[in-house]
Every structure is written in C-alpha cells, then in structure tokens.
N, C-alpha and C. Protein backbone atom coordinates (compact mmCIF):
# COMPACT_ATOMS: atom_id res chain seq x y z
N PRO A 1 0.31 2.98 -5.57
CA PRO A 1 1.34 2.59 -4.58
C PRO A 1 1.80 1.50 -4.60
N PHE A 2 2.95 1.20 -3.60
CA PHE A 2 4.08 0.18 -3.49
C PHE A 2 4.27 0.29 -1.99
N ALA A 3 4.68 -0.76 -1.36
CA ALA A 3 4.70 -1.06 -0.24
C ALA A 3 6.16 -0.25 -0.23
N THR A 4 6.37 -0.18 1.11
CA THR A 4 7.71 0.48 1.78
C THR A 4 8.82 -0.22 1.49
N GLU A 5 8.68 -1.58 1.52
CA GLU A 5 9.77 -2.52 1.25
C GLU A 5 10.05 -2.96 -0.17
N LEU A 6 8.74 -2.44 -0.75
CA LEU A 6 9.47 -2.38 -2.79
C LEU A 6 10.07 -1.07 -2.99
N VAL A 7 9.88 -0.32 -2.28
CA VAL A 7 9.97 0.94 -3.23
C VAL A 7 12.00 0.77 -3.69
N GLU A 8 12.67 0.25 -3.13
CA GLU A 8 14.29 0.55 -3.15
C GLU A 8 14.75 -0.78 -4.42
N PHE A 9 13.69 -1.82 -4.38
CA PHE A 9 13.53 -2.22 -5.26
C PHE A 9 13.77 -1.50 -7.27
N ILE A 10 12.17 -1.10 -6.39
CA ILE A 10 11.87 -0.67 -7.69
C ILE A 10 12.99 0.67 -7.96
N SER A 11 13.61 1.20 -7.18
CA SER A 11 14.59 2.83 -7.11
C SER A 11 15.58 1.86 -8.38
N LYS A 12 16.20 0.77 -7.80
CA LYS A 12 17.02 -0.13 -8.11
C LYS A 12 16.58 -0.68 -9.76
N ASN A 13 15.74 -0.15 -10.00
CA ASN A 13 15.39 -1.46 -11.98
C ASN A 13 15.24 -2.86 -11.79
N LEU A 14 15.16 -3.41 -10.06
CA LEU A 14 14.96 -4.34 -9.39
C LEU A 14 13.50 -5.00 -9.84
N LYS A 15 12.51 -4.48 -9.78
CA LYS A 15 11.33 -4.50 -9.70
C LYS A 15 10.51 -3.34 -10.96
N LEU A 16 10.01 -4.43 -12.28
CA LEU A 16 9.52 -3.82 -13.09
C LEU A 16 8.59 -4.33 -13.25
N THR A 17 7.71 -5.33 -12.62
CA THR A 17 6.45 -6.10 -13.03
C THR A 17 5.57 -5.83 -11.52
N THR A 18 4.43 -5.38 -11.47
CA THR A 18 3.36 -5.48 -10.43
C THR A 18 2.32 -7.07 -10.99
N TYR A 19 1.79 -7.36 -9.81
CA TYR A 19 0.63 -7.99 -10.01
C TYR A 19 -0.58 -7.15 -9.08
N ARG A 20 -1.88 -6.79 -9.53
CA ARG A 20 -2.60 -6.57 -8.81
C ARG A 20 -3.88 -7.38 -8.95
N LEU A 21 -4.22 -7.58 -7.65
CA LEU A 21 -5.45 -8.25 -7.58
C LEU A 21 -6.68 -7.90 -8.20
N GLY A 22 -8.05 -8.13 -8.66
CA GLY A 22 -8.56 -7.88 -9.19
C GLY A 22 -8.50 -7.12 -11.02
N ASP A 23 -9.28 -5.38 -10.75
CA ASP A 23 -9.17 -5.03 -12.18
C ASP A 23 -9.32 -3.35 -11.38
N LYS A 24 -9.01 -3.10 -10.07
CA LYS A 24 -8.99 -2.01 -10.38
C LYS A 24 -8.37 -1.07 -11.10
N TYR A 25 -6.98 -1.43 -11.38
CA TYR A 25 -6.52 -0.54 -12.06
C TYR A 25 -6.49 -0.95 -13.59
N ASP A 26 -7.52 -1.56 -14.11
CA ASP A 26 -7.58 -2.03 -15.39
C ASP A 26 -7.67 -0.80 -16.35
N TYR A 27 -8.32 0.57 -15.85
CA TYR A 27 -8.45 1.44 -16.83
C TYR A 27 -6.25 2.04 -17.14
N LEU A 28 -5.35 1.13 -16.80
CA LEU A 28 -4.24 1.77 -17.15
C LEU A 28 -4.10 1.11 -18.58
N GLN A 29 -3.28 1.94 -19.45
CA GLN A 29 -2.45 0.94 -20.62
C GLN A 29 -1.63 1.41 -21.05
N THR A 30 -1.14 0.46 -21.95
CA THR A 30 -0.06 0.53 -22.51
C THR A 30 0.61 2.50 -22.39
N GLY A 31 1.67 2.57 -22.46
CA GLY A 31 2.16 4.00 -22.81
C GLY A 31 1.66 5.05 -21.74
N ASN A 32 0.60 4.24 -20.99
CA ASN A 32 0.49 5.30 -19.92
C ASN A 32 1.60 6.07 -18.68
N VAL A 33 1.56 7.03 -18.60
CA VAL A 33 2.79 7.73 -17.56
C VAL A 33 2.51 7.73 -16.60
N VAL A 34 2.52 7.42 -15.15
CA VAL A 34 2.19 7.17 -13.46
C VAL A 34 3.03 7.28 -12.92
N THR A 35 2.55 8.28 -11.87
CA THR A 35 3.18 8.65 -10.41
C THR A 35 3.62 7.03 -9.83
N ILE A 36 4.74 6.79 -9.10
CA ILE A 36 4.94 5.71 -8.42
C ILE A 36 4.39 6.22 -7.02
N GLN A 37 4.02 5.55 -6.21
CA GLN A 37 4.47 5.86 -4.47
C GLN A 37 4.32 5.40 -3.66
N ASN A 38 4.80 5.39 -1.96
CA ASN A 38 5.12 4.70 -1.28
C ASN A 38 3.50 5.01 -0.62
N SER A 39 3.02 3.52 -0.49
CA SER A 39 1.91 2.80 0.07
C SER A 39 2.22 3.32 1.49
N ALA A 40 2.78 4.01 2.37
CA ALA A 40 2.77 3.92 3.49
C ALA A 40 2.83 5.59 3.67
N THR A 41 3.24 6.12 2.73
CA THR A 41 3.36 7.79 3.01
C THR A 41 3.09 8.33 2.07
N GLY A 42 2.44 8.12 1.20
CA GLY A 42 1.76 8.51 -0.21
C GLY A 42 2.66 9.27 -1.07
N GLU A 43 4.48 9.47 -0.62
CA GLU A 43 5.38 10.10 -1.22
C GLU A 43 5.09 9.65 -2.25
N PRO A 44 5.23 10.74 -3.74
CA PRO A 44 5.69 9.89 -4.80
C PRO A 44 7.27 9.90 -4.63
N ILE A 45 7.44 8.80 -5.35
CA ILE A 45 8.82 8.28 -5.60
C ILE A 45 9.37 8.24 -7.06
N HIS A 46 8.78 8.19 -8.05
CA HIS A 46 9.58 7.95 -9.57
C HIS A 46 8.16 7.81 -10.55
N LYS A 47 8.54 8.62 -11.48
CA LYS A 47 7.11 8.07 -12.40
C LYS A 47 7.88 7.32 -13.43
N ALA A 48 6.89 6.79 -13.70
CA ALA A 48 6.97 5.11 -14.75
C ALA A 48 5.91 5.02 -15.97
N LYS A 49 6.27 4.24 -17.27
CA LYS A 49 5.58 4.09 -18.56
C LYS A 49 4.70 2.86 -18.26
N ILE A 50 3.72 2.60 -18.38
CA ILE A 50 3.38 1.41 -18.79
C ILE A 50 3.89 0.38 -20.18
N THR A 51 4.49 -0.66 -19.94
CA THR A 51 5.38 -1.03 -21.01
C THR A 51 4.39 -2.19 -21.68
N ASN A 52 3.03 -3.06 -20.74
CA ASN A 52 2.37 -4.21 -21.14
C ASN A 52 1.89 -4.03 -19.91
N LYS A 53 0.57 -4.89 -19.93
CA LYS A 53 -0.08 -5.33 -19.25
C LYS A 53 -1.23 -6.90 -19.72
N SER A 54 -1.70 -7.43 -18.92
CA SER A 54 -2.12 -8.90 -18.94
C SER A 54 -2.65 -8.79 -17.88
N LYS A 55 -4.02 -10.10 -18.26
CA LYS A 55 -4.23 -10.51 -16.87
C LYS A 55 -3.72 -12.35 -16.81
N ALA A 56 -4.23 -12.74 -15.44
CA ALA A 56 -3.43 -14.48 -14.93
C ALA A 56 -4.26 -14.57 -13.97
N THR A 57 -4.54 -15.46 -13.44
CA THR A 57 -4.84 -15.79 -12.28
C THR A 57 -4.03 -16.13 -11.67
N PHE A 58 -3.96 -16.72 -10.31
CA PHE A 58 -2.68 -16.56 -8.80
C PHE A 58 -2.23 -17.63 -9.09
N ALA A 59 -2.86 -18.92 -10.06
CA ALA A 59 -1.88 -19.89 -10.32
C ALA A 59 -0.94 -19.81 -11.33
N GLU A 60 -1.80 -19.00 -12.18
CA GLU A 60 -0.51 -18.78 -13.34
C GLU A 60 0.44 -17.72 -13.37
N LEU A 61 0.84 -17.10 -12.25
CA LEU A 61 1.78 -16.15 -11.88
C LEU A 61 3.01 -17.14 -11.50
N PRO A 62 3.94 -16.53 -11.94
CA PRO A 62 5.38 -16.84 -12.33
C PRO A 62 5.71 -16.82 -10.89
N LEU A 63 6.53 -17.98 -10.09
CA LEU A 63 7.35 -17.44 -8.94
C LEU A 63 8.59 -17.06 -8.94
N ASP A 64 9.20 -16.65 -10.52
CA ASP A 64 10.60 -15.65 -10.56
C ASP A 64 10.53 -15.23 -12.02
N ASP A 65 10.44 -14.13 -12.28
CA ASP A 65 10.43 -13.57 -13.38
C ASP A 65 10.91 -12.72 -14.05
N GLY A 66 12.06 -11.96 -12.72
CA GLY A 66 12.64 -11.40 -13.19
C GLY A 66 12.84 -9.87 -13.21
N GLY A 67 11.65 -9.84 -13.34
CA GLY A 67 11.34 -8.65 -12.94
C GLY A 67 10.08 -8.14 -11.93
N HIS A 68 9.96 -9.05 -10.79
CA HIS A 68 9.35 -8.90 -9.79
C HIS A 68 10.03 -9.66 -8.93
N GLU A 69 9.39 -9.36 -7.51
CA GLU A 69 10.49 -10.55 -6.36
C GLU A 69 10.04 -11.93 -6.33
N ALA A 70 11.06 -12.38 -6.08
CA ALA A 70 11.15 -13.87 -6.28
C ALA A 70 10.09 -15.06 -5.00
N TYR A 71 9.56 -16.18 -5.20
CA TYR A 71 9.05 -16.43 -4.38
C TYR A 71 9.62 -17.50 -4.40
N GLU A 72 9.91 -18.66 -2.92
CA GLU A 72 10.46 -19.77 -2.88
C GLU A 72 9.29 -20.51 -3.48
N SER A 73 8.23 -20.91 -3.03
CA SER A 73 6.76 -21.70 -3.67
C SER A 73 6.00 -20.53 -3.46
N LYS A 74 5.29 -21.43 -4.08
CA LYS A 74 3.66 -20.88 -4.41
C LYS A 74 2.80 -20.46 -3.26
N GLU A 75 2.98 -21.42 -2.00
CA GLU A 75 2.60 -21.30 -0.77
C GLU A 75 3.24 -20.01 -0.26
N HIS A 76 4.36 -19.94 -0.49
CA HIS A 76 5.22 -18.68 -0.10
C HIS A 76 4.43 -18.00 -1.10
N GLN A 77 4.33 -17.48 -2.26
CA GLN A 77 3.40 -16.03 -2.83
C GLN A 77 2.86 -16.55 -2.08
N ARG A 78 1.34 -16.68 -1.88
CA ARG A 78 0.30 -16.76 -1.58
C ARG A 78 -0.21 -16.19 0.15
N GLU A 79 0.82 -16.33 1.03
CA GLU A 79 1.07 -15.77 2.16
C GLU A 79 1.25 -14.42 1.94
N VAL A 80 2.59 -13.91 0.71
CA VAL A 80 3.19 -12.65 0.85
C VAL A 80 1.90 -11.70 0.47
N PHE A 81 0.94 -12.28 -0.79
CA PHE A 81 -0.09 -11.92 -1.20
C PHE A 81 -1.31 -11.53 -0.04
N SER A 82 -1.45 -12.49 0.36
CA SER A 82 -2.53 -12.59 1.66
C SER A 82 -2.19 -11.89 2.51
N GLY A 83 -0.87 -11.22 2.94
CA GLY A 83 -0.55 -10.65 3.52
C GLY A 83 -1.09 -8.92 2.39
N TYR A 84 -0.69 -8.40 1.97
CA TYR A 84 -1.01 -7.44 0.79
C TYR A 84 -2.28 -7.38 0.67
N TYR A 85 -3.27 -8.62 0.56
CA TYR A 85 -4.82 -8.05 0.39
C TYR A 85 -5.88 -8.61 1.52
N LYS A 86 -5.58 -8.37 3.05
CA LYS A 86 -6.02 -8.71 3.90
C LYS A 86 -7.39 -8.36 4.21
N TYR A 87 -7.31 -7.21 3.23
CA TYR A 87 -8.65 -6.22 3.47
C TYR A 87 -9.57 -6.96 2.73
N ILE A 88 -9.30 -8.16 2.07
CA ILE A 88 -10.97 -8.52 1.60
C ILE A 88 -10.84 -9.73 2.30
N GLY A 89 -10.57 -10.31 3.55
CA GLY A 89 -11.48 -10.82 4.50
C GLY A 89 -11.00 -12.56 4.62
N ARG A 90 -10.19 -13.40 3.48
CA ARG A 90 -9.43 -14.26 3.20
C ARG A 90 -7.98 -14.20 2.54
N GLY A 91 -8.16 -15.56 2.60
CA GLY A 91 -6.70 -15.82 1.88
C GLY A 91 -6.89 -15.52 0.06
N ILE A 92 -5.62 -15.38 -0.42
CA ILE A 92 -5.86 -15.74 -1.96
C ILE A 92 -5.73 -16.86 -2.52
N LYS A 93 -6.78 -16.96 -3.55
CA LYS A 93 -6.84 -18.29 -4.30
C LYS A 93 -6.52 -18.46 -5.65
N ASP A 94 -6.54 -19.97 -5.77
CA ASP A 94 -5.54 -20.16 -7.03
C ASP A 94 -6.60 -19.28 -8.35
N GLU A 95 -8.36 -19.86 -8.19
CA GLU A 95 -8.79 -18.67 -9.75
C GLU A 95 -8.74 -17.13 -9.15
N ASP A 96 -8.31 -16.71 -8.12
CA ASP A 96 -8.53 -14.83 -8.23
C ASP A 96 -7.54 -14.37 -9.63
N SER A 97 -8.36 -13.25 -10.17
CA SER A 97 -7.55 -12.70 -11.16
C SER A 97 -6.91 -11.89 -10.89
N PHE A 98 -5.38 -11.68 -11.71
CA PHE A 98 -4.53 -10.66 -10.85
C PHE A 98 -3.77 -9.41 -12.16
N LEU A 99 -4.38 -8.67 -12.49
CA LEU A 99 -3.14 -8.01 -13.96
C LEU A 99 -1.90 -7.88 -13.74
N VAL A 100 -1.22 -8.04 -15.09
CA VAL A 100 -0.05 -8.23 -14.41
C VAL A 100 0.56 -6.80 -15.29
N ILE A 101 1.10 -6.02 -14.62
CA ILE A 101 1.71 -4.81 -14.68
C ILE A 101 3.14 -4.61 -14.80
N SER A 102 3.40 -4.35 -16.40
CA SER A 102 4.95 -4.02 -16.56
C SER A 102 5.56 -2.64 -16.77
N PHE A 103 6.66 -2.17 -16.25
CA PHE A 103 6.84 -0.84 -16.68
C PHE A 103 7.72 -0.78 -16.55
N GLU A 104 8.74 0.88 -16.99
CA GLU A 104 9.87 1.02 -16.89
C GLU A 104 10.03 2.76 -16.47
N LEU A 105 11.39 2.77 -15.72
CA LEU A 105 10.98 4.14 -15.03
C LEU A 105 11.21 5.26 -15.78
N VAL A 106 10.69 6.27 -15.81
CA VAL A 106 10.65 7.56 -16.72
C VAL A 106 11.85 8.74 -16.02
N GLU A 107 11.50 8.54 -14.79
CA GLU A 107 12.40 9.79 -14.06
C GLU A 107 13.61 8.84 -12.72
C-alpha cells in the first residue's frame, strides 16, 4: 500500500523505489509481482515487479535518488517518515532499519 499522495507519482513512473521501516515486507523477492494499492481506499492501482531489494539504516537513505520523492534535508526526510510511521509512537531514528525496494510497473 502507498499513501494517496504518492499514487500519482507511481502512475507517472516518477516513484520506482520505496523505503519501508522494519522487515514486514522482507518476504518480497526480486522478480515477485505485487499489487500496488492506495492505502486510504484499498483500491488496487497497478501491478509492479520487484527489481531490487536491500537494507539500509535511516541515516544511509539518500535524500534524492531519482526513483523516490526527494527531501530538502535529513530532518525533512525524518519528519515525513515520522508522519508515515506514527504508529510506532516515536520519531524515526538514524539507526532504524529500512527495506529499500525498487520496482517497475507491469500493467
């Protein structure tokens, strides 16, 4: 699932990478085809094929890699991610582990 504000970027092939806190999606493997959904509605948006998967700490995540929305600074990135992951009850820390998943649309 992706936040509503990201669906348009995905549809236009402007967002081809996602950073996911923790290992909830670690079962995904390169070559898997997944359904991308709007997280607010549950509506399926596209099919995508996983092209790469790696791990990084928050401190290691780039501010602008060309396949993900860009951030003005590390603090801006931390603020945005802390909003996405409010349910953990704290802000994002430099040592928090993220899955870095790249994909391409197949439909």
